[in-house]
Amino acid sequence: MQIVHEDQGRTGVFAYGEGDDRAELTYAPAGIQNSLIFDHTYVPERLRGQGIAEKLVDHAVAFARSEGKTVVPACSYVRALFDRHPERYGDIRTEEEKPVGRI
């Protein structure tokens, strides 16, 4: 399986496939220092059930680790995967703090 990283400046995409058969995980800088927010994962219906989304996450996590970053799992799939496997992702997971407003 060939997963490519498309660096788009401040944001990026990890992708598998092309055209209508393109699966991807997108990320951007998070609101906290040295963190990336994994904000969207998509796998076309005909490619689902093959473990592609998890492989995208693993490639993106390896990238974040190599860059010395932590990850905010904003995407529901990424959050669920991190929750199911804290032994694999606990060291890299972080959460953005919610801004405190005035009362």
C-alpha atoms as a PDB file:
ATOM      1  CA  MET A   1       0.000   0.000   0.000  1.00  0.00           C
ATOM      2  CA  GLN A   2       1.479   3.323  -1.072  1.00  0.00           C
ATOM      3  CA  ILE A   3       0.506   6.260   1.122  1.00  0.00           C
ATOM      4  CA  VAL A   4       1.792   9.639   0.035  1.00  0.00           C
ATOM      5  CA  HIS A   5       2.236  12.791   2.089  1.00  0.00           C
ATOM      6  CA  GLU A   6       1.198  16.007   0.391  1.00  0.00           C
ATOM      7  CA  ASP A   7       2.671  18.970   2.260  1.00  0.00           C
ATOM      8  CA  GLN A   8       0.486  21.982   1.504  1.00  0.00           C
ATOM      9  CA  GLY A   9       2.378  24.577   3.501  1.00  0.00           C
ATOM     10  CA  ARG A  10       0.813  24.831   6.933  1.00  0.00           C
ATOM     11  CA  THR A  11      -1.621  21.983   6.233  1.00  0.00           C
ATOM     12  CA  GLY A  12      -1.208  18.577   4.699  1.00  0.00           C
ATOM     13  CA  VAL A  13      -2.789  15.353   3.519  1.00  0.00           C
ATOM     14  CA  PHE A  14      -1.871  11.700   3.759  1.00  0.00           C
ATOM     15  CA  ALA A  15      -3.494   9.974   0.791  1.00  0.00           C
ATOM     16  CA  TYR A  16      -3.950   6.546  -0.723  1.00  0.00           C
ATOM     17  CA  GLY A  17      -5.270   6.066  -4.249  1.00  0.00           C
ATOM     18  CA  GLU A  18      -6.483   8.554  -6.816  1.00  0.00           C
ATOM     19  CA  GLY A  19      -9.661  10.108  -8.150  1.00  0.00           C
ATOM     20  CA  ASP A  20     -12.852   8.493  -6.873  1.00  0.00           C
ATOM     21  CA  ASP A  21     -10.739   5.864  -5.100  1.00  0.00           C
ATOM     22  CA  ARG A  22      -8.751   8.376  -3.036  1.00  0.00           C
ATOM     23  CA  ALA A  23      -8.690   7.932   0.750  1.00  0.00           C
ATOM     24  CA  GLU A  24      -7.200  10.672   2.869  1.00  0.00           C
ATOM     25  CA  LEU A  25      -6.413  12.065   6.289  1.00  0.00           C
ATOM     26  CA  THR A  26      -6.023  15.838   6.563  1.00  0.00           C
ATOM     27  CA  TYR A  27      -4.182  17.804   9.217  1.00  0.00           C
ATOM     28  CA  ALA A  28      -3.345  21.376  10.193  1.00  0.00           C
ATOM     29  CA  PRO A  29      -1.460  23.125  12.989  1.00  0.00           C
ATOM     30  CA  ALA A  30      -3.386  22.985  16.251  1.00  0.00           C
ATOM     31  CA  GLY A  31      -3.976  25.918  18.558  1.00  0.00           C
ATOM     32  CA  ILE A  32      -1.303  24.682  20.949  1.00  0.00           C
ATOM     33  CA  GLN A  33       2.419  24.757  20.334  1.00  0.00           C
ATOM     34  CA  ASN A  34       4.074  21.794  18.579  1.00  0.00           C
ATOM     35  CA  SER A  35       0.769  20.070  17.846  1.00  0.00           C
ATOM     36  CA  LEU A  36      -1.106  18.987  14.761  1.00  0.00           C
ATOM     37  CA  ILE A  37      -4.849  18.558  14.551  1.00  0.00           C
ATOM     38  CA  PHE A  38      -5.982  15.493  12.598  1.00  0.00           C
ATOM     39  CA  ASP A  39      -9.287  16.907  11.447  1.00  0.00           C
ATOM     40  CA  HIS A  40     -10.705  14.624   8.760  1.00  0.00           C
ATOM     41  CA  THR A  41     -10.385  11.055   7.544  1.00  0.00           C
ATOM     42  CA  TYR A  42     -12.214   9.806   4.473  1.00  0.00           C
ATOM     43  CA  VAL A  43     -12.239   6.415   2.759  1.00  0.00           C
ATOM     44  CA  PRO A  44     -14.510   5.866  -0.264  1.00  0.00           C
ATOM     45  CA  GLU A  45     -17.237   3.307   0.391  1.00  0.00           C
ATOM     46  CA  ARG A  46     -15.835   0.732  -2.049  1.00  0.00           C
ATOM     47  CA  LEU A  47     -12.465   0.764  -0.197  1.00  0.00           C
ATOM     48  CA  ARG A  48     -13.847   0.476   3.327  1.00  0.00           C
ATOM     49  CA  GLY A  49     -13.147  -2.559   5.485  1.00  0.00           C
ATOM     50  CA  GLN A  50      -9.549  -2.928   4.293  1.00  0.00           C
ATOM     51  CA  GLY A  51      -7.840  -1.096   7.165  1.00  0.00           C
ATOM     52  CA  ILE A  52      -6.927   1.880   4.976  1.00  0.00           C
ATOM     53  CA  ALA A  53      -8.041   4.546   7.463  1.00  0.00           C
ATOM     54  CA  GLU A  54      -5.951   3.013  10.237  1.00  0.00           C
ATOM     55  CA  LYS A  55      -2.919   2.858   7.951  1.00  0.00           C
ATOM     56  CA  LEU A  56      -3.415   6.540   7.096  1.00  0.00           C
ATOM     57  CA  VAL A  57      -3.508   7.354  10.813  1.00  0.00           C
ATOM     58  CA  ASP A  58      -0.367   5.306  11.465  1.00  0.00           C
ATOM     59  CA  HIS A  59       1.522   7.113   8.679  1.00  0.00           C
ATOM     60  CA  ALA A  60       0.337  10.494   9.951  1.00  0.00           C
ATOM     61  CA  VAL A  61       1.296   9.601  13.547  1.00  0.00           C
ATOM     62  CA  ALA A  62       4.763   8.479  12.400  1.00  0.00           C
ATOM     63  CA  PHE A  63       5.137  11.833  10.638  1.00  0.00           C
ATOM     64  CA  ALA A  64       4.044  13.763  13.752  1.00  0.00           C
ATOM     65  CA  ARG A  65       6.500  11.804  15.904  1.00  0.00           C
ATOM     66  CA  SER A  66       9.346  12.452  13.454  1.00  0.00           C
ATOM     67  CA  GLU A  67       8.550  16.178  13.623  1.00  0.00           C
ATOM     68  CA  GLY A  68       8.400  16.199  17.451  1.00  0.00           C
ATOM     69  CA  LYS A  69       4.688  17.063  17.404  1.00  0.00           C
ATOM     70  CA  THR A  70       1.719  15.877  19.413  1.00  0.00           C
ATOM     71  CA  VAL A  71      -1.700  15.184  17.889  1.00  0.00           C
ATOM     72  CA  VAL A  72      -5.152  16.553  18.660  1.00  0.00           C
ATOM     73  CA  PRO A  73      -7.574  13.849  17.453  1.00  0.00           C
ATOM     74  CA  ALA A  74     -10.430  16.073  16.238  1.00  0.00           C
ATOM     75  CA  CYS A  75     -11.648  13.593  13.609  1.00  0.00           C
ATOM     76  CA  SER A  76     -14.150  11.146  15.134  1.00  0.00           C
ATOM     77  CA  TYR A  77     -12.396   8.152  13.556  1.00  0.00           C
ATOM     78  CA  VAL A  78      -8.968   9.212  14.827  1.00  0.00           C
ATOM     79  CA  ARG A  79     -10.382   9.924  18.299  1.00  0.00           C
ATOM     80  CA  ALA A  80     -12.025   6.476  18.443  1.00  0.00           C
ATOM     81  CA  LEU A  81      -8.812   4.778  17.280  1.00  0.00           C
ATOM     82  CA  PHE A  82      -6.758   6.674  19.886  1.00  0.00           C
ATOM     83  CA  ASP A  83      -9.328   5.708  22.556  1.00  0.00           C
ATOM     84  CA  ARG A  84      -9.179   2.014  21.565  1.00  0.00           C
ATOM     85  CA  HIS A  85      -5.381   1.889  21.476  1.00  0.00           C
ATOM     86  CA  PRO A  86      -3.856   4.121  24.162  1.00  0.00           C
ATOM     87  CA  GLU A  87      -0.783   1.869  24.176  1.00  0.00           C
ATOM     88  CA  ARG A  88      -0.080   2.918  20.563  1.00  0.00           C
ATOM     89  CA  TYR A  89      -1.119   6.552  20.648  1.00  0.00           C
ATOM     90  CA  GLY A  90      -1.113   7.710  24.279  1.00  0.00           C
ATOM     91  CA  ASP A  91       2.358   9.230  24.024  1.00  0.00           C
ATOM     92  CA  ILE A  92       1.400  11.508  21.143  1.00  0.00           C
ATOM     93  CA  ARG A  93      -2.182  12.439  22.036  1.00  0.00           C
ATOM     94  CA  THR A  94      -3.008  15.865  23.363  1.00  0.00           C
ATOM     95  CA  GLU A  95      -6.162  17.952  23.623  1.00  0.00           C
ATOM     96  CA  GLU A  96      -6.687  21.578  22.797  1.00  0.00           C
ATOM     97  CA  GLU A  97      -7.762  23.608  25.754  1.00  0.00           C
ATOM     98  CA  LYS A  98     -11.086  25.338  25.428  1.00  0.00           C
ATOM     99  CA  PRO A  99     -10.896  29.114  25.694  1.00  0.00           C
ATOM    100  CA  VAL A 100     -12.300  30.405  28.951  1.00  0.00           C
ATOM    101  CA  GLY A 101     -14.895  33.090  28.381  1.00  0.00           C
ATOM    102  CA  ARG A 102     -16.141  35.778  30.669  1.00  0.00           C
ATOM    103  CA  ILE A 103     -19.268  35.271  32.657  1.00  0.00           C
END
